[in-house]
Amino acid sequence: MDVPLWLALAAVGYLGVKLIRPPLWLVLVLLLGGYLIADSLLAPVIDTAVK
């Protein structure tokens, strides 16, 4: 069964917010931080570390 990555991430994110109930500001900071890091000079380093 092939599940798209965006669907898997959305499901994990939804369950994480429902079960752990982090503050909204923390969720926004993590999303914004990930978006900004993905467009920075650290992106290639993170990409090689993940793979």
PDB file of N, CA and C in Angstrom:
ATOM      1  N   MET A   1       0.846  -1.178   0.000  1.00  0.00           N
ATOM      2  CA  MET A   1       0.000   0.000   0.000  1.00  0.00           C
ATOM      3  C   MET A   1       0.891   1.240   0.000  1.00  0.00           C
ATOM      4  N   ASP A   2       0.698   2.101  -0.953  1.00  0.00           N
ATOM      5  CA  ASP A   2       1.468   3.339  -1.052  1.00  0.00           C
ATOM      6  C   ASP A   2       0.640   4.500  -0.512  1.00  0.00           C
ATOM      7  N   VAL A   3       1.191   5.152   0.505  1.00  0.00           N
ATOM      8  CA  VAL A   3       0.530   6.305   1.111  1.00  0.00           C
ATOM      9  C   VAL A   3       1.382   7.532   0.800  1.00  0.00           C
ATOM     10  N   PRO A   4       0.772   8.600   0.282  1.00  0.00           N
ATOM     11  CA  PRO A   4       1.554   9.816   0.026  1.00  0.00           C
ATOM     12  C   PRO A   4       2.137  10.372   1.330  1.00  0.00           C
ATOM     13  N   LEU A   5       3.323  10.953   1.220  1.00  0.00           N
ATOM     14  CA  LEU A   5       3.997  11.491   2.396  1.00  0.00           C
ATOM     15  C   LEU A   5       3.165  12.576   3.062  1.00  0.00           C
ATOM     16  N   TRP A   6       2.533  13.435   2.284  1.00  0.00           N
ATOM     17  CA  TRP A   6       1.761  14.523   2.866  1.00  0.00           C
ATOM     18  C   TRP A   6       0.578  13.985   3.671  1.00  0.00           C
ATOM     19  N   LEU A   7      -0.005  12.879   3.216  1.00  0.00           N
ATOM     20  CA  LEU A   7      -1.129  12.295   3.942  1.00  0.00           C
ATOM     21  C   LEU A   7      -0.662  11.674   5.257  1.00  0.00           C
ATOM     22  N   ALA A   8       0.465  10.993   5.226  1.00  0.00           N
ATOM     23  CA  ALA A   8       1.008  10.394   6.445  1.00  0.00           C
ATOM     24  C   ALA A   8       1.383  11.476   7.454  1.00  0.00           C
ATOM     25  N   LEU A   9       2.019  12.548   6.985  1.00  0.00           N
ATOM     26  CA  LEU A   9       2.386  13.639   7.891  1.00  0.00           C
ATOM     27  C   LEU A   9       1.162  14.342   8.457  1.00  0.00           C
ATOM     28  N   ALA A  10       0.148  14.513   7.645  1.00  0.00           N
ATOM     29  CA  ALA A  10      -1.082  15.152   8.128  1.00  0.00           C
ATOM     30  C   ALA A  10      -1.749  14.289   9.192  1.00  0.00           C
ATOM     31  N   ALA A  11      -1.779  12.980   8.996  1.00  0.00           N
ATOM     32  CA  ALA A  11      -2.394  12.083   9.977  1.00  0.00           C
ATOM     33  C   ALA A  11      -1.614  12.082  11.291  1.00  0.00           C
ATOM     34  N   VAL A  12      -0.284  12.014  11.200  1.00  0.00           N
ATOM     35  CA  VAL A  12       0.532  12.033  12.411  1.00  0.00           C
ATOM     36  C   VAL A  12       0.407  13.373  13.123  1.00  0.00           C
ATOM     37  N   GLY A  13       0.392  14.448  12.365  1.00  0.00           N
ATOM     38  CA  GLY A  13       0.238  15.780  12.969  1.00  0.00           C
ATOM     39  C   GLY A  13      -1.110  15.944  13.644  1.00  0.00           C
ATOM     40  N   TYR A  14      -2.154  15.481  12.991  1.00  0.00           N
ATOM     41  CA  TYR A  14      -3.495  15.581  13.572  1.00  0.00           C
ATOM     42  C   TYR A  14      -3.587  14.783  14.872  1.00  0.00           C
ATOM     43  N   LEU A  15      -3.100  13.552  14.842  1.00  0.00           N
ATOM     44  CA  LEU A  15      -3.137  12.732  16.053  1.00  0.00           C
ATOM     45  C   LEU A  15      -2.264  13.319  17.153  1.00  0.00           C
ATOM     46  N   GLY A  16      -1.114  13.863  16.794  1.00  0.00           N
ATOM     47  CA  GLY A  16      -0.238  14.471  17.792  1.00  0.00           C
ATOM     48  C   GLY A  16      -0.886  15.654  18.480  1.00  0.00           C
ATOM     49  N   VAL A  17      -1.550  16.502  17.706  1.00  0.00           N
ATOM     50  CA  VAL A  17      -2.217  17.667  18.293  1.00  0.00           C
ATOM     51  C   VAL A  17      -3.407  17.226  19.149  1.00  0.00           C
ATOM     52  N   LYS A  18      -4.145  16.220  18.700  1.00  0.00           N
ATOM     53  CA  LYS A  18      -5.304  15.755  19.448  1.00  0.00           C
ATOM     54  C   LYS A  18      -4.907  15.063  20.751  1.00  0.00           C
ATOM     55  N   LEU A  19      -3.859  14.242  20.713  1.00  0.00           N
ATOM     56  CA  LEU A  19      -3.492  13.444  21.882  1.00  0.00           C
ATOM     57  C   LEU A  19      -2.584  14.185  22.858  1.00  0.00           C
ATOM     58  N   ILE A  20      -1.612  14.917  22.354  1.00  0.00           N
ATOM     59  CA  ILE A  20      -0.634  15.566  23.238  1.00  0.00           C
ATOM     60  C   ILE A  20      -1.082  16.975  23.622  1.00  0.00           C
ATOM     61  N   ARG A  21      -1.857  17.632  22.770  1.00  0.00           N
ATOM     62  CA  ARG A  21      -2.370  18.978  22.982  1.00  0.00           C
ATOM     63  C   ARG A  21      -1.278  20.006  23.299  1.00  0.00           C
ATOM     64  N   PRO A  22      -0.340  20.198  22.332  1.00  0.00           N
ATOM     65  CA  PRO A  22       0.670  21.242  22.541  1.00  0.00           C
ATOM     66  C   PRO A  22       0.030  22.617  22.363  1.00  0.00           C
ATOM     67  N   PRO A  23       0.654  23.646  22.920  1.00  0.00           N
ATOM     68  CA  PRO A  23       0.110  24.996  22.715  1.00  0.00           C
ATOM     69  C   PRO A  23       0.190  25.397  21.238  1.00  0.00           C
ATOM     70  N   LEU A  24      -0.744  26.201  20.814  1.00  0.00           N
ATOM     71  CA  LEU A  24      -0.824  26.600  19.414  1.00  0.00           C
ATOM     72  C   LEU A  24       0.434  27.345  18.976  1.00  0.00           C
ATOM     73  N   TRP A  25       0.999  28.167  19.850  1.00  0.00           N
ATOM     74  CA  TRP A  25       2.196  28.910  19.483  1.00  0.00           C
ATOM     75  C   TRP A  25       3.359  27.967  19.180  1.00  0.00           C
ATOM     76  N   LEU A  26       3.447  26.851  19.896  1.00  0.00           N
ATOM     77  CA  LEU A  26       4.521  25.891  19.657  1.00  0.00           C
ATOM     78  C   LEU A  26       4.364  25.224  18.293  1.00  0.00           C
ATOM     79  N   VAL A  27       3.144  24.870  17.948  1.00  0.00           N
ATOM     80  CA  VAL A  27       2.878  24.274  16.636  1.00  0.00           C
ATOM     81  C   VAL A  27       3.248  25.257  15.532  1.00  0.00           C
ATOM     82  N   LEU A  28       2.866  26.516  15.684  1.00  0.00           N
ATOM     83  CA  LEU A  28       3.168  27.525  14.667  1.00  0.00           C
ATOM     84  C   LEU A  28       4.664  27.782  14.554  1.00  0.00           C
ATOM     85  N   VAL A  29       5.370  27.828  15.690  1.00  0.00           N
ATOM     86  CA  VAL A  29       6.817  28.044  15.658  1.00  0.00           C
ATOM     87  C   VAL A  29       7.524  26.884  14.971  1.00  0.00           C
ATOM     88  N   LEU A  30       7.110  25.651  15.245  1.00  0.00           N
ATOM     89  CA  LEU A  30       7.736  24.501  14.607  1.00  0.00           C
ATOM     90  C   LEU A  30       7.470  24.472  13.107  1.00  0.00           C
ATOM     91  N   LEU A  31       6.251  24.786  12.699  1.00  0.00           N
ATOM     92  CA  LEU A  31       5.934  24.818  11.270  1.00  0.00           C
ATOM     93  C   LEU A  31       6.706  25.925  10.553  1.00  0.00           C
ATOM     94  N   LEU A  32       6.718  27.113  11.123  1.00  0.00           N
ATOM     95  CA  LEU A  32       7.431  28.232  10.511  1.00  0.00           C
ATOM     96  C   LEU A  32       8.938  27.976  10.506  1.00  0.00           C
ATOM     97  N   GLY A  33       9.455  27.439  11.596  1.00  0.00           N
ATOM     98  CA  GLY A  33      10.882  27.141  11.660  1.00  0.00           C
ATOM     99  C   GLY A  33      11.288  26.102  10.628  1.00  0.00           C
ATOM    100  N   GLY A  34      10.491  25.061  10.465  1.00  0.00           N
ATOM    101  CA  GLY A  34      10.788  24.049   9.459  1.00  0.00           C
ATOM    102  C   GLY A  34      10.741  24.619   8.057  1.00  0.00           C
ATOM    103  N   TYR A  35       9.790  25.491   7.810  1.00  0.00           N
ATOM    104  CA  TYR A  35       9.676  26.122   6.492  1.00  0.00           C
ATOM    105  C   TYR A  35      10.894  26.998   6.211  1.00  0.00           C
ATOM    106  N   LEU A  36      11.322  27.762   7.207  1.00  0.00           N
ATOM    107  CA  LEU A  36      12.466  28.650   7.013  1.00  0.00           C
ATOM    108  C   LEU A  36      13.775  27.881   6.890  1.00  0.00           C
ATOM    109  N   ILE A  37      13.934  26.802   7.650  1.00  0.00           N
ATOM    110  CA  ILE A  37      15.154  26.003   7.566  1.00  0.00           C
ATOM    111  C   ILE A  37      15.241  25.296   6.215  1.00  0.00           C
ATOM    112  N   ALA A  38      14.100  24.900   5.676  1.00  0.00           N
ATOM    113  CA  ALA A  38      14.099  24.209   4.384  1.00  0.00           C
ATOM    114  C   ALA A  38      14.596  25.103   3.258  1.00  0.00           C
ATOM    115  N   ASP A  39      14.533  26.415   3.438  1.00  0.00           N
ATOM    116  CA  ASP A  39      14.977  27.351   2.405  1.00  0.00           C
ATOM    117  C   ASP A  39      16.295  28.020   2.788  1.00  0.00           C
ATOM    118  N   SER A  40      17.031  27.451   3.741  1.00  0.00           N
ATOM    119  CA  SER A  40      18.266  28.074   4.201  1.00  0.00           C
ATOM    120  C   SER A  40      19.478  27.291   3.714  1.00  0.00           C
ATOM    121  N   LEU A  41      20.639  27.691   4.170  1.00  0.00           N
ATOM    122  CA  LEU A  41      21.875  26.991   3.822  1.00  0.00           C
ATOM    123  C   LEU A  41      21.981  25.640   4.510  1.00  0.00           C
ATOM    124  N   LEU A  42      21.171  25.416   5.546  1.00  0.00           N
ATOM    125  CA  LEU A  42      21.203  24.144   6.266  1.00  0.00           C
ATOM    126  C   LEU A  42      20.429  23.043   5.558  1.00  0.00           C
ATOM    127  N   ALA A  43      19.680  23.372   4.547  1.00  0.00           N
ATOM    128  CA  ALA A  43      18.833  22.389   3.866  1.00  0.00           C
ATOM    129  C   ALA A  43      19.623  21.202   3.307  1.00  0.00           C
ATOM    130  N   PRO A  44      20.752  21.413   2.625  1.00  0.00           N
ATOM    131  CA  PRO A  44      21.494  20.255   2.115  1.00  0.00           C
ATOM    132  C   PRO A  44      22.039  19.356   3.240  1.00  0.00           C
ATOM    133  N   VAL A  45      22.444  19.976   4.346  1.00  0.00           N
ATOM    134  CA  VAL A  45      22.969  19.210   5.472  1.00  0.00           C
ATOM    135  C   VAL A  45      21.866  18.346   6.074  1.00  0.00           C
ATOM    136  N   ILE A  46      20.691  18.922   6.239  1.00  0.00           N
ATOM    137  CA  ILE A  46      19.566  18.188   6.804  1.00  0.00           C
ATOM    138  C   ILE A  46      19.131  17.086   5.838  1.00  0.00           C
ATOM    139  N   ASP A  47      19.155  17.390   4.539  1.00  0.00           N
ATOM    140  CA  ASP A  47      18.745  16.395   3.550  1.00  0.00           C
ATOM    141  C   ASP A  47      19.657  15.172   3.570  1.00  0.00           C
ATOM    142  N   THR A  48      20.954  15.390   3.670  1.00  0.00           N
ATOM    143  CA  THR A  48      21.870  14.242   3.722  1.00  0.00           C
ATOM    144  C   THR A  48      21.750  13.490   5.048  1.00  0.00           C
ATOM    145  N   ALA A  49      21.464  14.206   6.123  1.00  0.00           N
ATOM    146  CA  ALA A  49      21.318  13.540   7.425  1.00  0.00           C
ATOM    147  C   ALA A  49      20.054  12.686   7.464  1.00  0.00           C
ATOM    148  N   VAL A  50      18.996  13.129   6.806  1.00  0.00           N
ATOM    149  CA  VAL A  50      17.743  12.388   6.806  1.00  0.00           C
ATOM    150  C   VAL A  50      17.851  11.139   5.938  1.00  0.00           C
ATOM    151  N   LYS A  51      18.548  11.274   4.816  1.00  0.00           N
ATOM    152  CA  LYS A  51      18.678  10.135   3.894  1.00  0.00           C
ATOM    153  C   LYS A  51      19.705   9.200   4.443  1.00  0.00           C
TER     154      LYS A  51
END
